[in-house]
C-alpha atoms as a PDB file:
ATOM      1  CA  MET A   1     -30.262 -12.468  14.980  1.00  0.00           C
ATOM      2  CA  ALA A   2     -26.474 -13.177  15.653  1.00  0.00           C
ATOM      3  CA  ALA A   3     -24.534 -10.610  17.279  1.00  0.00           C
ATOM      4  CA  ARG A   4     -21.786  -8.521  15.240  1.00  0.00           C
ATOM      5  CA  ALA A   5     -18.511  -8.226  16.669  1.00  0.00           C
ATOM      6  CA  ILE A   6     -17.023  -5.097  16.522  1.00  0.00           C
ATOM      7  CA  VAL A   7     -13.006  -5.290  15.716  1.00  0.00           C
ATOM      8  CA  SER A   8     -10.680  -2.194  15.379  1.00  0.00           C
ATOM      9  CA  ILE A   9      -7.321  -2.779  12.809  1.00  0.00           C
ATOM     10  CA  ARG A  10      -4.837  -0.643  14.090  1.00  0.00           C
ATOM     11  CA  PRO A  11      -1.601   0.780  13.144  1.00  0.00           C
ATOM     12  CA  ASP A  12       0.974  -2.500  13.509  1.00  0.00           C
ATOM     13  CA  GLY A  13       3.682   0.158  15.400  1.00  0.00           C
ATOM     14  CA  ARG A  14       6.331   0.301  12.326  1.00  0.00           C
ATOM     15  CA  GLN A  15       5.061   3.305  10.942  1.00  0.00           C
ATOM     16  CA  SER A  16       5.174   6.788  12.352  1.00  0.00           C
ATOM     17  CA  GLU A  17       2.614   8.713  13.208  1.00  0.00           C
ATOM     18  CA  THR A  18       2.618  10.926  10.412  1.00  0.00           C
ATOM     19  CA  ALA A  19       3.068   7.927   8.072  1.00  0.00           C
ATOM     20  CA  ALA A  20       0.082   5.965   9.518  1.00  0.00           C
ATOM     21  CA  LEU A  21      -2.012   9.110   8.610  1.00  0.00           C
ATOM     22  CA  LEU A  22      -1.021   8.872   4.799  1.00  0.00           C
ATOM     23  CA  GLN A  23      -1.536   5.132   4.828  1.00  0.00           C
ATOM     24  CA  LYS A  24      -5.457   5.922   6.209  1.00  0.00           C
ATOM     25  CA  GLY A  25      -5.446   8.314   3.414  1.00  0.00           C
ATOM     26  CA  VAL A  26      -3.970   6.523   0.346  1.00  0.00           C
ATOM     27  CA  CYS A  27      -6.225   3.445   1.291  1.00  0.00           C
ATOM     28  CA  ARG A  28      -9.641   5.917   2.134  1.00  0.00           C
ATOM     29  CA  ARG A  29      -8.859   6.766  -1.767  1.00  0.00           C
ATOM     30  CA  PHE A  30      -7.985   3.501  -3.317  1.00  0.00           C
ATOM     31  CA  ARG A  31     -11.050   2.053  -2.118  1.00  0.00           C
ATOM     32  CA  ALA A  32     -13.064   4.775  -3.620  1.00  0.00           C
ATOM     33  CA  GLN A  33     -11.674   4.042  -6.802  1.00  0.00           C
ATOM     34  CA  GLY A  34     -12.876   0.050  -6.152  1.00  0.00           C
ATOM     35  CA  PHE A  35      -9.081  -1.013  -5.224  1.00  0.00           C
ATOM     36  CA  ALA A  36      -8.839  -3.497  -2.288  1.00  0.00           C
ATOM     37  CA  THR A  37      -5.802  -2.510  -0.185  1.00  0.00           C
ATOM     38  CA  LEU A  38      -3.520  -4.351   2.649  1.00  0.00           C
ATOM     39  CA  CYS A  39      -1.115  -2.502   4.493  1.00  0.00           C
ATOM     40  CA  GLU A  40       2.563  -3.741   5.214  1.00  0.00           C
ATOM     41  CA  PHE A  41       2.511  -6.804   2.724  1.00  0.00           C
ATOM     42  CA  THR A  42       5.767  -8.810   2.522  1.00  0.00           C
ATOM     43  CA  LEU A  43       6.361  -9.662  -1.050  1.00  0.00           C
ATOM     44  CA  ALA A  44       7.849 -12.956  -2.412  1.00  0.00           C
ATOM     45  CA  SER A  45      11.797 -10.928  -2.303  1.00  0.00           C
ATOM     46  CA  GLY A  46      11.046 -10.087   1.658  1.00  0.00           C
ATOM     47  CA  ARG A  47      10.406  -6.889   1.365  1.00  0.00           C
ATOM     48  CA  ARG A  48       7.874  -4.969   3.032  1.00  0.00           C
ATOM     49  CA  ALA A  49       5.096  -2.980   0.679  1.00  0.00           C
ATOM     50  CA  ASP A  50       3.399  -0.069   2.723  1.00  0.00           C
ATOM     51  CA  VAL A  51       0.440  -0.430   0.449  1.00  0.00           C
ATOM     52  CA  ILE A  52      -0.491  -2.698  -2.198  1.00  0.00           C
ATOM     53  CA  ALA A  53      -3.952  -2.723  -3.903  1.00  0.00           C
ATOM     54  CA  LEU A  54      -5.206  -4.563  -6.451  1.00  0.00           C
ATOM     55  CA  GLY A  55      -8.099  -3.113  -8.494  1.00  0.00           C
ATOM     56  CA  PRO A  56     -11.171  -3.989 -10.268  1.00  0.00           C
ATOM     57  CA  LYS A  57      -9.414  -5.427 -13.216  1.00  0.00           C
ATOM     58  CA  GLY A  58      -6.695  -7.476 -11.410  1.00  0.00           C
ATOM     59  CA  ASP A  59      -3.959  -4.329 -11.640  1.00  0.00           C
ATOM     60  CA  ILE A  60      -1.859  -4.087  -8.933  1.00  0.00           C
ATOM     61  CA  TRP A  61      -0.551  -1.186  -7.712  1.00  0.00           C
ATOM     62  CA  ILE A  62       2.046  -0.311  -4.523  1.00  0.00           C
ATOM     63  CA  VAL A  63       2.294   2.670  -2.380  1.00  0.00           C
ATOM     64  CA  GLU A  64       5.576   3.319  -0.834  1.00  0.00           C
ATOM     65  CA  ILE A  65       4.783   6.091   1.845  1.00  0.00           C
ATOM     66  CA  LYS A  66       7.227   8.619   2.963  1.00  0.00           C
ATOM     67  CA  SER A  67       6.775  10.823   5.977  1.00  0.00           C
ATOM     68  CA  SER A  68      10.003  13.306   5.668  1.00  0.00           C
ATOM     69  CA  PRO A  69      12.635  14.047   2.889  1.00  0.00           C
ATOM     70  CA  GLU A  70      14.922  12.270   5.581  1.00  0.00           C
ATOM     71  CA  ASP A  71      12.546   9.285   5.390  1.00  0.00           C
ATOM     72  CA  PHE A  72      13.209   9.490   1.397  1.00  0.00           C
ATOM     73  CA  ARG A  73      16.993   9.868   1.731  1.00  0.00           C
ATOM     74  CA  ALA A  74      17.563   7.111   4.101  1.00  0.00           C
ATOM     75  CA  ASP A  75      15.929   4.343   2.273  1.00  0.00           C
ATOM     76  CA  ARG A  76      16.910   3.056  -1.349  1.00  0.00           C
ATOM     77  CA  LYS A  77      14.995  -0.167  -1.658  1.00  0.00           C
ATOM     78  CA  TRP A  78      11.888   1.314  -3.631  1.00  0.00           C
ATOM     79  CA  PRO A  79      13.002   0.275  -6.911  1.00  0.00           C
ATOM     80  CA  ASP A  80      13.292  -3.220  -5.672  1.00  0.00           C
ATOM     81  CA  TYR A  81       8.642  -3.098  -5.747  1.00  0.00           C
ATOM     82  CA  ARG A  82       8.811  -2.289  -9.345  1.00  0.00           C
ATOM     83  CA  ASP A  83       9.175  -5.946 -10.076  1.00  0.00           C
ATOM     84  CA  PHE A  84       6.200  -6.533  -8.414  1.00  0.00           C
ATOM     85  CA  CYS A  85       3.416  -4.263  -9.573  1.00  0.00           C
ATOM     86  CA  ASP A  86       2.027  -2.534 -12.539  1.00  0.00           C
ATOM     87  CA  ARG A  87       2.316   0.953 -10.956  1.00  0.00           C
ATOM     88  CA  LEU A  88       4.853   2.179  -8.305  1.00  0.00           C
ATOM     89  CA  TYR A  89       3.857   5.311  -6.704  1.00  0.00           C
ATOM     90  CA  PHE A  90       5.412   7.403  -3.830  1.00  0.00           C
ATOM     91  CA  ALA A  91       2.968   8.912  -1.154  1.00  0.00           C
ATOM     92  CA  VAL A  92       3.974  12.076   1.023  1.00  0.00           C
ATOM     93  CA  ALA A  93       2.223  14.672   2.702  1.00  0.00           C
ATOM     94  CA  ALA A  94       1.485  18.276   1.125  1.00  0.00           C
ATOM     95  CA  SER A  95       4.059  19.811   2.936  1.00  0.00           C
ATOM     96  CA  MET A  96       6.617  17.488   1.108  1.00  0.00           C
ATOM     97  CA  ASP A  97       8.537  18.735  -1.644  1.00  0.00           C
ATOM     98  CA  PRO A  98       7.528  16.387  -4.662  1.00  0.00           C
ATOM     99  CA  ALA A  99      11.103  17.232  -6.960  1.00  0.00           C
ATOM    100  CA  LEU A 100      12.614  15.263  -4.221  1.00  0.00           C
ATOM    101  CA  LEU A 101      10.966  11.919  -5.381  1.00  0.00           C
ATOM    102  CA  PRO A 102      11.510   9.971  -8.794  1.00  0.00           C
ATOM    103  CA  VAL A 103       9.815  10.955 -11.496  1.00  0.00           C
ATOM    104  CA  GLU A 104       9.554   7.615 -13.146  1.00  0.00           C
ATOM    105  CA  ALA A 105       7.264   6.805  -9.968  1.00  0.00           C
ATOM    106  CA  GLY A 106       4.048   7.744  -9.354  1.00  0.00           C
ATOM    107  CA  LEU A 107       2.983  10.699  -7.338  1.00  0.00           C
ATOM    108  CA  ILE A 108       0.124  10.987  -4.442  1.00  0.00           C
ATOM    109  CA  ILE A 109      -0.394  13.914  -2.205  1.00  0.00           C
ATOM    110  CA  ALA A 110      -2.149  12.080   1.527  1.00  0.00           C
ATOM    111  CA  ASP A 111      -3.528  12.883   4.622  1.00  0.00           C
ATOM    112  CA  ALA A 112      -5.755  11.249   7.145  1.00  0.00           C
ATOM    113  CA  PHE A 113      -8.972  11.996   5.508  1.00  0.00           C
ATOM    114  CA  GLY A 114      -7.939  11.191   1.229  1.00  0.00           C
ATOM    115  CA  ALA A 115      -5.031  11.359  -1.105  1.00  0.00           C
ATOM    116  CA  GLU A 116      -4.939  12.876  -4.714  1.00  0.00           C
ATOM    117  CA  ILE A 117      -2.843  10.940  -7.682  1.00  0.00           C
ATOM    118  CA  LEU A 118      -0.735  14.366  -8.873  1.00  0.00           C
ATOM    119  CA  ARG A 119       0.754  11.906 -11.548  1.00  0.00           C
ATOM    120  CA  HIS A 120       0.743   8.645 -12.680  1.00  0.00           C
ATOM    121  CA  PRO A 121       3.732   6.458 -13.466  1.00  0.00           C
ATOM    122  CA  GLN A 122       4.095   4.580 -16.716  1.00  0.00           C
ATOM    123  CA  GLU A 123       2.413   1.529 -16.759  1.00  0.00           C
ATOM    124  CA  THR A 124       4.633  -1.773 -16.548  1.00  0.00           C
ATOM    125  CA  PRO A 125       2.831  -4.727 -16.960  1.00  0.00           C
ATOM    126  CA  LEU A 126       3.674  -7.745 -14.652  1.00  0.00           C
ATOM    127  CA  ASN A 127       4.070 -10.897 -16.459  1.00  0.00           C
ATOM    128  CA  ALA A 128       1.052 -13.859 -15.992  1.00  0.00           C
ATOM    129  CA  ALA A 129       3.154 -15.934 -13.779  1.00  0.00           C
ATOM    130  CA  ARG A 130       4.367 -13.159 -11.156  1.00  0.00           C
ATOM    131  CA  ARG A 131       0.621 -11.415 -11.419  1.00  0.00           C
ATOM    132  CA  LYS A 132      -0.992 -14.569 -10.125  1.00  0.00           C
ATOM    133  CA  ALA A 133       1.728 -15.164  -7.108  1.00  0.00           C
ATOM    134  CA  VAL A 134       0.678 -12.001  -6.037  1.00  0.00           C
ATOM    135  CA  THR A 135      -2.574 -11.755  -6.289  1.00  0.00           C
ATOM    136  CA  ILE A 136      -2.722 -15.234  -4.660  1.00  0.00           C
ATOM    137  CA  GLY A 137      -0.798 -13.965  -1.878  1.00  0.00           C
ATOM    138  CA  PHE A 138      -2.325 -11.295  -1.403  1.00  0.00           C
ATOM    139  CA  ALA A 139      -5.580 -12.815  -1.472  1.00  0.00           C
ATOM    140  CA  ARG A 140      -3.942 -15.097   1.504  1.00  0.00           C
ATOM    141  CA  ALA A 141      -2.919 -12.598   3.652  1.00  0.00           C
ATOM    142  CA  ALA A 142      -6.102 -10.488   3.539  1.00  0.00           C
ATOM    143  CA  ALA A 143      -7.742 -14.025   4.286  1.00  0.00           C
ATOM    144  CA  MET A 144      -5.791 -14.605   6.939  1.00  0.00           C
ATOM    145  CA  ARG A 145      -5.962 -11.233   8.511  1.00  0.00           C
ATOM    146  CA  LEU A 146      -9.606 -11.275   8.740  1.00  0.00           C
ATOM    147  CA  HIS A 147      -9.493 -14.877  10.250  1.00  0.00           C
ATOM    148  CA  GLY A 148      -7.349 -13.538  12.843  1.00  0.00           C
ATOM    149  CA  LEU A 149      -9.702 -10.696  13.837  1.00  0.00           C
ATOM    150  CA  TYR A 150     -12.557 -13.621  13.702  1.00  0.00           C
ATOM    151  CA  TYR A 151     -10.318 -15.836  15.491  1.00  0.00           C
ATOM    152  CA  PRO A 152      -7.185 -14.227  17.251  1.00  0.00           C
ATOM    153  CA  GLU A 153      -6.794 -16.833  20.186  1.00  0.00           C
ATOM    154  CA  MET A 154      -5.361 -19.046  16.657  1.00  0.00           C
ATOM    155  CA  MET A 155      -3.229 -16.577  15.664  1.00  0.00           C
END
């Protein structure tokens, strides 16, 4: 029997500790719903989505994590994500006032152990060409990350 490699995937250091915990909870929730997730996914626009999720039917959701009101106020790039997903959400801690967040986006309350979707946004389906491009980008990024875990010396 072949030995199995034990690998650990750690946050990349760009997130605050709070954001990393929220990210973990969001990914746990989505995984339970049958979604595959990638964190810190770079879109064709150059923007980096905190979490992108690919659903069992090919639906694409992006989650922008906000660790504090100051984090939300300082970051106005979130509308740029709409062109790359069917649904856009904000994920915040339970201590953050959801009234600060735009109502046109979905709302997720999260912690390190899970997340609850309190509000789904209106779905804005991607056109076929954009869906294909994002899906291929997701698959390639996931495969490259997996390859890097098995063969870190090649990265």
